[in-house]
C-alpha atoms as a PDB file:
ATOM      1  CA  MET A   1      95.855  74.313 112.439  1.00  0.00           C
ATOM      2  CA  GLU A   2      97.438  77.621 111.452  1.00  0.00           C
ATOM      3  CA  LYS A   3     101.188  77.897 111.803  1.00  0.00           C
ATOM      4  CA  GLU A   4     102.711  81.198 112.886  1.00  0.00           C
ATOM      5  CA  ILE A   5     105.667  83.078 111.438  1.00  0.00           C
ATOM      6  CA  VAL A   6     106.844  86.691 111.432  1.00  0.00           C
ATOM      7  CA  PHE A   7     107.187  88.671 108.212  1.00  0.00           C
ATOM      8  CA  ALA A   8     109.758  91.385 108.978  1.00  0.00           C
ATOM      9  CA  THR A   9     108.015  94.353 107.388  1.00  0.00           C
ATOM     10  CA  ASN A  10     106.196  97.551 108.295  1.00  0.00           C
ATOM     11  CA  ASN A  11     104.944  97.909 104.714  1.00  0.00           C
ATOM     12  CA  LEU A  12     101.200  97.275 104.896  1.00  0.00           C
ATOM     13  CA  HIS A  13     100.973  96.727 101.115  1.00  0.00           C
ATOM     14  CA  LYS A  14     103.601  93.974 101.251  1.00  0.00           C
ATOM     15  CA  LEU A  15     102.000  92.459 104.358  1.00  0.00           C
ATOM     16  CA  SER A  16      98.585  92.300 102.703  1.00  0.00           C
ATOM     17  CA  GLU A  17     100.071  90.819  99.523  1.00  0.00           C
ATOM     18  CA  ILE A  18     102.021  88.127 101.415  1.00  0.00           C
ATOM     19  CA  ARG A  19      99.023  87.223 103.593  1.00  0.00           C
ATOM     20  CA  ARG A  20      96.910  86.834 100.468  1.00  0.00           C
ATOM     21  CA  ILE A  21      99.511  84.676  98.705  1.00  0.00           C
ATOM     22  CA  MET A  22     100.197  82.443 101.726  1.00  0.00           C
ATOM     23  CA  GLY A  23      96.517  81.847 102.450  1.00  0.00           C
ATOM     24  CA  ASP A  24      94.985  80.585 105.647  1.00  0.00           C
ATOM     25  CA  GLN A  25      97.490  77.852 106.513  1.00  0.00           C
ATOM     26  CA  TRP A  26      99.805  80.476 107.975  1.00  0.00           C
ATOM     27  CA  HIS A  27      99.208  83.222 110.516  1.00  0.00           C
ATOM     28  CA  ILE A  28     101.587  85.946 109.370  1.00  0.00           C
ATOM     29  CA  LEU A  29     102.681  88.310 112.133  1.00  0.00           C
ATOM     30  CA  SER A  30     103.962  91.759 111.226  1.00  0.00           C
ATOM     31  CA  LEU A  31     106.654  93.712 113.056  1.00  0.00           C
ATOM     32  CA  ALA A  32     103.889  95.704 114.758  1.00  0.00           C
ATOM     33  CA  ASP A  33     102.343  92.440 115.993  1.00  0.00           C
ATOM     34  CA  ILE A  34     105.575  91.602 117.864  1.00  0.00           C
ATOM     35  CA  ASN A  35     106.019  95.211 119.082  1.00  0.00           C
ATOM     36  CA  CYS A  36     109.058  95.836 116.902  1.00  0.00           C
ATOM     37  CA  ASN A  37     108.804  99.536 116.126  1.00  0.00           C
ATOM     38  CA  GLU A  38     112.439 100.042 115.222  1.00  0.00           C
ATOM     39  CA  ASP A  39     113.693 100.949 111.782  1.00  0.00           C
ATOM     40  CA  ILE A  40     115.645  97.878 110.754  1.00  0.00           C
ATOM     41  CA  PRO A  41     118.836  98.925 108.947  1.00  0.00           C
ATOM     42  CA  GLU A  42     119.032  98.074 105.251  1.00  0.00           C
ATOM     43  CA  THR A  43     122.694  98.812 104.707  1.00  0.00           C
ATOM     44  CA  ALA A  44     123.710  95.934 102.421  1.00  0.00           C
ATOM     45  CA  ASP A  45     124.462  96.593  98.760  1.00  0.00           C
ATOM     46  CA  THR A  46     122.398  93.637  97.517  1.00  0.00           C
ATOM     47  CA  LEU A  47     118.746  92.630  97.842  1.00  0.00           C
ATOM     48  CA  GLN A  48     119.804  89.337  99.424  1.00  0.00           C
ATOM     49  CA  GLY A  49     122.021  91.132 101.938  1.00  0.00           C
ATOM     50  CA  ASN A  50     119.203  93.442 103.041  1.00  0.00           C
ATOM     51  CA  ALA A  51     116.698  90.593 103.349  1.00  0.00           C
ATOM     52  CA  GLU A  52     119.161  88.620 105.494  1.00  0.00           C
ATOM     53  CA  LEU A  53     119.911  91.673 107.685  1.00  0.00           C
ATOM     54  CA  LYS A  54     116.207  92.165 108.431  1.00  0.00           C
ATOM     55  CA  ALA A  55     115.534  88.489 109.171  1.00  0.00           C
ATOM     56  CA  ARG A  56     118.592  88.204 111.433  1.00  0.00           C
ATOM     57  CA  PHE A  57     117.651  91.431 113.267  1.00  0.00           C
ATOM     58  CA  VAL A  58     114.222  90.055 114.222  1.00  0.00           C
ATOM     59  CA  LYS A  59     115.572  86.620 115.179  1.00  0.00           C
ATOM     60  CA  GLU A  60     118.360  88.035 117.360  1.00  0.00           C
ATOM     61  CA  ARG A  61     116.325  90.726 119.126  1.00  0.00           C
ATOM     62  CA  TYR A  62     112.878  89.130 119.337  1.00  0.00           C
ATOM     63  CA  GLY A  63     113.583  85.396 119.090  1.00  0.00           C
ATOM     64  CA  TYR A  64     111.043  84.649 116.348  1.00  0.00           C
ATOM     65  CA  ASP A  65     111.598  82.499 113.301  1.00  0.00           C
ATOM     66  CA  CYS A  66     110.834  84.892 110.503  1.00  0.00           C
ATOM     67  CA  PHE A  67     111.276  85.848 106.907  1.00  0.00           C
ATOM     68  CA  ALA A  68     112.107  89.184 105.336  1.00  0.00           C
ATOM     69  CA  ASP A  69     112.222  90.370 101.780  1.00  0.00           C
ATOM     70  CA  ASP A  70     113.909  93.022  99.757  1.00  0.00           C
ATOM     71  CA  THR A  71     112.658  93.954  96.344  1.00  0.00           C
ATOM     72  CA  GLY A  72     114.202  96.051  93.643  1.00  0.00           C
ATOM     73  CA  LEU A  73     113.317  97.325  90.205  1.00  0.00           C
ATOM     74  CA  LEU A  74     116.326  96.995  87.918  1.00  0.00           C
ATOM     75  CA  VAL A  75     116.280  98.976  84.680  1.00  0.00           C
ATOM     76  CA  ASP A  76     118.681  97.840  81.957  1.00  0.00           C
ATOM     77  CA  ALA A  77     119.302 101.306  80.467  1.00  0.00           C
ATOM     78  CA  LEU A  78     120.141 102.671  83.937  1.00  0.00           C
ATOM     79  CA  ASP A  79     122.727  99.953  84.696  1.00  0.00           C
ATOM     80  CA  GLY A  80     120.360  98.225  87.110  1.00  0.00           C
ATOM     81  CA  ALA A  81     119.185 101.350  88.952  1.00  0.00           C
ATOM     82  CA  PRO A  82     117.233 101.967  91.080  1.00  0.00           C
ATOM     83  CA  GLY A  83     117.944  98.399  92.284  1.00  0.00           C
ATOM     84  CA  VAL A  84     118.618  98.114  96.003  1.00  0.00           C
ATOM     85  CA  TYR A  85     117.614 101.792  96.372  1.00  0.00           C
ATOM     86  CA  SER A  86     114.187 101.350  94.748  1.00  0.00           C
ATOM     87  CA  ALA A  87     112.146 102.450  97.779  1.00  0.00           C
ATOM     88  CA  ARG A  88     114.427 105.454  98.399  1.00  0.00           C
ATOM     89  CA  TYR A  89     115.224 106.368  94.779  1.00  0.00           C
ATOM     90  CA  ALA A  90     113.959 109.960  95.047  1.00  0.00           C
ATOM     91  CA  GLY A  91     115.046 110.371  98.686  1.00  0.00           C
ATOM     92  CA  PRO A  92     114.615 108.817 102.128  1.00  0.00           C
ATOM     93  CA  GLY A  93     110.852 109.378 102.307  1.00  0.00           C
ATOM     94  CA  HIS A  94     109.769 106.178 100.490  1.00  0.00           C
ATOM     95  CA  ASP A  95     107.609 108.379  98.216  1.00  0.00           C
ATOM     96  CA  SER A  96     106.302 106.157  95.407  1.00  0.00           C
ATOM     97  CA  ALA A  97     105.037 109.037  93.253  1.00  0.00           C
ATOM     98  CA  ALA A  98     108.387 110.851  93.495  1.00  0.00           C
ATOM     99  CA  ASN A  99     110.291 107.619  92.780  1.00  0.00           C
ATOM    100  CA  MET A 100     108.206 106.958  89.652  1.00  0.00           C
ATOM    101  CA  ALA A 101     108.539 110.563  88.471  1.00  0.00           C
ATOM    102  CA  LEU A 102     112.335 110.459  88.842  1.00  0.00           C
ATOM    103  CA  LEU A 103     112.582 107.121  87.032  1.00  0.00           C
ATOM    104  CA  LEU A 104     110.443 108.360  84.129  1.00  0.00           C
ATOM    105  CA  GLU A 105     112.544 111.540  83.970  1.00  0.00           C
ATOM    106  CA  ASN A 106     115.760 109.505  83.880  1.00  0.00           C
ATOM    107  CA  LEU A 107     114.323 107.423  81.027  1.00  0.00           C
ATOM    108  CA  ARG A 108     113.110 110.403  78.981  1.00  0.00           C
ATOM    109  CA  GLY A 109     114.062 109.789  75.342  1.00  0.00           C
ATOM    110  CA  VAL A 110     115.393 106.283  76.098  1.00  0.00           C
ATOM    111  CA  THR A 111     114.015 103.597  73.789  1.00  0.00           C
ATOM    112  CA  ASP A 112     115.360 100.559  75.661  1.00  0.00           C
ATOM    113  CA  ARG A 113     112.898 100.387  78.541  1.00  0.00           C
ATOM    114  CA  LYS A 114     113.525  96.767  79.551  1.00  0.00           C
ATOM    115  CA  ALA A 115     113.502  96.150  83.291  1.00  0.00           C
ATOM    116  CA  HIS A 116     112.844  93.457  85.838  1.00  0.00           C
ATOM    117  CA  PHE A 117     111.600  93.226  89.379  1.00  0.00           C
ATOM    118  CA  SER A 118     113.505  90.946  91.719  1.00  0.00           C
ATOM    119  CA  THR A 119     112.459  89.860  95.209  1.00  0.00           C
ATOM    120  CA  VAL A 120     114.728  87.973  97.572  1.00  0.00           C
ATOM    121  CA  ILE A 121     113.159  86.402 100.651  1.00  0.00           C
ATOM    122  CA  ALA A 122     115.439  85.383 103.519  1.00  0.00           C
ATOM    123  CA  LEU A 123     114.005  82.814 105.938  1.00  0.00           C
ATOM    124  CA  ILE A 124     115.579  82.150 109.302  1.00  0.00           C
ATOM    125  CA  GLN A 125     114.405  79.137 111.273  1.00  0.00           C
ATOM    126  CA  GLY A 126     116.460  78.208 114.300  1.00  0.00           C
ATOM    127  CA  GLU A 127     120.034  78.730 113.133  1.00  0.00           C
ATOM    128  CA  GLU A 128     119.358  78.074 109.443  1.00  0.00           C
ATOM    129  CA  MET A 129     119.132  80.899 106.876  1.00  0.00           C
ATOM    130  CA  LEU A 130     117.734  80.154 103.422  1.00  0.00           C
ATOM    131  CA  THR A 131     116.964  82.506 100.539  1.00  0.00           C
ATOM    132  CA  PHE A 132     114.440  82.344  97.706  1.00  0.00           C
ATOM    133  CA  GLU A 133     114.404  84.609  94.653  1.00  0.00           C
ATOM    134  CA  GLY A 134     111.613  85.571  92.295  1.00  0.00           C
ATOM    135  CA  ARG A 135     111.965  87.623  89.124  1.00  0.00           C
ATOM    136  CA  VAL A 136     109.612  89.030  86.518  1.00  0.00           C
ATOM    137  CA  ASP A 137     110.774  90.731  83.324  1.00  0.00           C
ATOM    138  CA  GLY A 138     108.953  93.583  81.685  1.00  0.00           C
ATOM    139  CA  THR A 139     109.024  97.119  80.347  1.00  0.00           C
ATOM    140  CA  ILE A 140     108.808 100.582  81.887  1.00  0.00           C
ATOM    141  CA  THR A 141     105.861 102.396  80.322  1.00  0.00           C
ATOM    142  CA  GLU A 142     105.993 106.032  79.193  1.00  0.00           C
ATOM    143  CA  THR A 143     103.246 107.070  81.610  1.00  0.00           C
ATOM    144  CA  PRO A 144     101.615 105.573  84.729  1.00  0.00           C
ATOM    145  CA  ALA A 145      98.454 103.488  84.259  1.00  0.00           C
ATOM    146  CA  GLY A 146      96.222 101.847  86.845  1.00  0.00           C
ATOM    147  CA  THR A 147      95.379 102.486  90.476  1.00  0.00           C
ATOM    148  CA  ASP A 148      95.948  99.133  92.175  1.00  0.00           C
ATOM    149  CA  GLY A 149      99.248  97.849  93.503  1.00  0.00           C
ATOM    150  CA  PHE A 150     101.951 100.060  94.957  1.00  0.00           C
ATOM    151  CA  GLY A 151     105.465 101.318  94.316  1.00  0.00           C
ATOM    152  CA  TYR A 152     106.384 101.206  90.631  1.00  0.00           C
ATOM    153  CA  ASP A 153     103.363  99.051  89.659  1.00  0.00           C
ATOM    154  CA  PRO A 154     101.715 101.800  87.527  1.00  0.00           C
ATOM    155  CA  ILE A 155     104.746 102.005  85.195  1.00  0.00           C
ATOM    156  CA  PHE A 156     105.764  98.327  85.012  1.00  0.00           C
ATOM    157  CA  ARG A 157     104.205  96.144  82.308  1.00  0.00           C
ATOM    158  CA  PRO A 158     105.259  92.489  82.646  1.00  0.00           C
ATOM    159  CA  ASP A 159     106.282  90.675  79.475  1.00  0.00           C
ATOM    160  CA  GLY A 160     103.380  88.954  77.734  1.00  0.00           C
ATOM    161  CA  HIS A 161     100.764  91.315  79.187  1.00  0.00           C
ATOM    162  CA  GLU A 162      99.051  94.458  77.948  1.00  0.00           C
ATOM    163  CA  GLU A 163      98.406  95.886  81.443  1.00  0.00           C
ATOM    164  CA  THR A 164     100.720  97.310  84.074  1.00  0.00           C
ATOM    165  CA  PHE A 165     100.797  95.626  87.479  1.00  0.00           C
ATOM    166  CA  ALA A 166      98.612  98.502  88.740  1.00  0.00           C
ATOM    167  CA  GLN A 167      95.910  97.630  86.167  1.00  0.00           C
ATOM    168  CA  MET A 168      95.740  93.992  87.287  1.00  0.00           C
ATOM    169  CA  SER A 169      93.713  92.518  90.116  1.00  0.00           C
ATOM    170  CA  ALA A 170      95.699  91.435  93.174  1.00  0.00           C
ATOM    171  CA  ASP A 171      95.220  87.775  92.225  1.00  0.00           C
ATOM    172  CA  GLN A 172      96.384  88.357  88.621  1.00  0.00           C
ATOM    173  CA  LYS A 173      99.488  90.188  89.810  1.00  0.00           C
ATOM    174  CA  ASN A 174     100.328  87.678  92.548  1.00  0.00           C
ATOM    175  CA  ALA A 175     100.132  84.790  90.059  1.00  0.00           C
ATOM    176  CA  ILE A 176     103.014  86.199  87.987  1.00  0.00           C
ATOM    177  CA  SER A 177     104.856  88.680  90.206  1.00  0.00           C
ATOM    178  CA  HIS A 178     108.390  88.542  91.563  1.00  0.00           C
ATOM    179  CA  ARG A 179     107.072  88.454  95.148  1.00  0.00           C
ATOM    180  CA  GLY A 180     104.543  85.757  94.219  1.00  0.00           C
ATOM    181  CA  ARG A 181     107.291  83.604  92.682  1.00  0.00           C
ATOM    182  CA  ALA A 182     109.658  83.992  95.643  1.00  0.00           C
ATOM    183  CA  THR A 183     106.808  83.353  98.093  1.00  0.00           C
ATOM    184  CA  ALA A 184     105.783  80.191  96.220  1.00  0.00           C
ATOM    185  CA  GLN A 185     109.296  78.827  96.850  1.00  0.00           C
ATOM    186  CA  LEU A 186     109.051  79.857 100.514  1.00  0.00           C
ATOM    187  CA  ILE A 187     105.678  78.096 100.879  1.00  0.00           C
ATOM    188  CA  GLN A 188     107.011  74.961  99.213  1.00  0.00           C
ATOM    189  CA  HIS A 189     109.938  74.897 101.652  1.00  0.00           C
ATOM    190  CA  LEU A 190     107.747  75.570 104.707  1.00  0.00           C
ATOM    191  CA  SER A 191     105.270  72.887 103.628  1.00  0.00           C
ATOM    192  CA  THR A 192     107.917  70.183 103.246  1.00  0.00           C
ATOM    193  CA  PRO A 193     107.895  67.959 106.331  1.00  0.00           C
END
């Protein structure tokens, strides 16, 4: 029998990715599924803080056990930017193309292009809050490549691979990605009796 849990997101790309990773043992409800149409504040200065804010918001206002994530791209040469501001790097519009363009502009002429993606998932069940973190190291490419994925995927090449995330199939990406790694820990926890 499928178990039910809320994933506190309005991002359809993330929702699809999580549903694919978690498989058919879980029925993942989105914020829209529970009629939460509010913009949940992400005012913390860490990925973990934002993930916990979102999970707590849903639990307190809607009563559901849920999990939330926050993901950031951290570029070494930019002192960890865009980091917690990754989705809003070029402004409040969550414009992936503008975010990528600004990042590439800020790295123009920079040879150290090392970066990593980090995802923190906060799970709230009853009164208990747990967090799980996934990380993948890689390099920012000079130009975008690939059409799959979302966000910074066209300019992020994970270590040990020739393709960017956007050039990989969903299954290839999920097997090695930051979100895949954090979600694997979440699944392991949820599956433990």
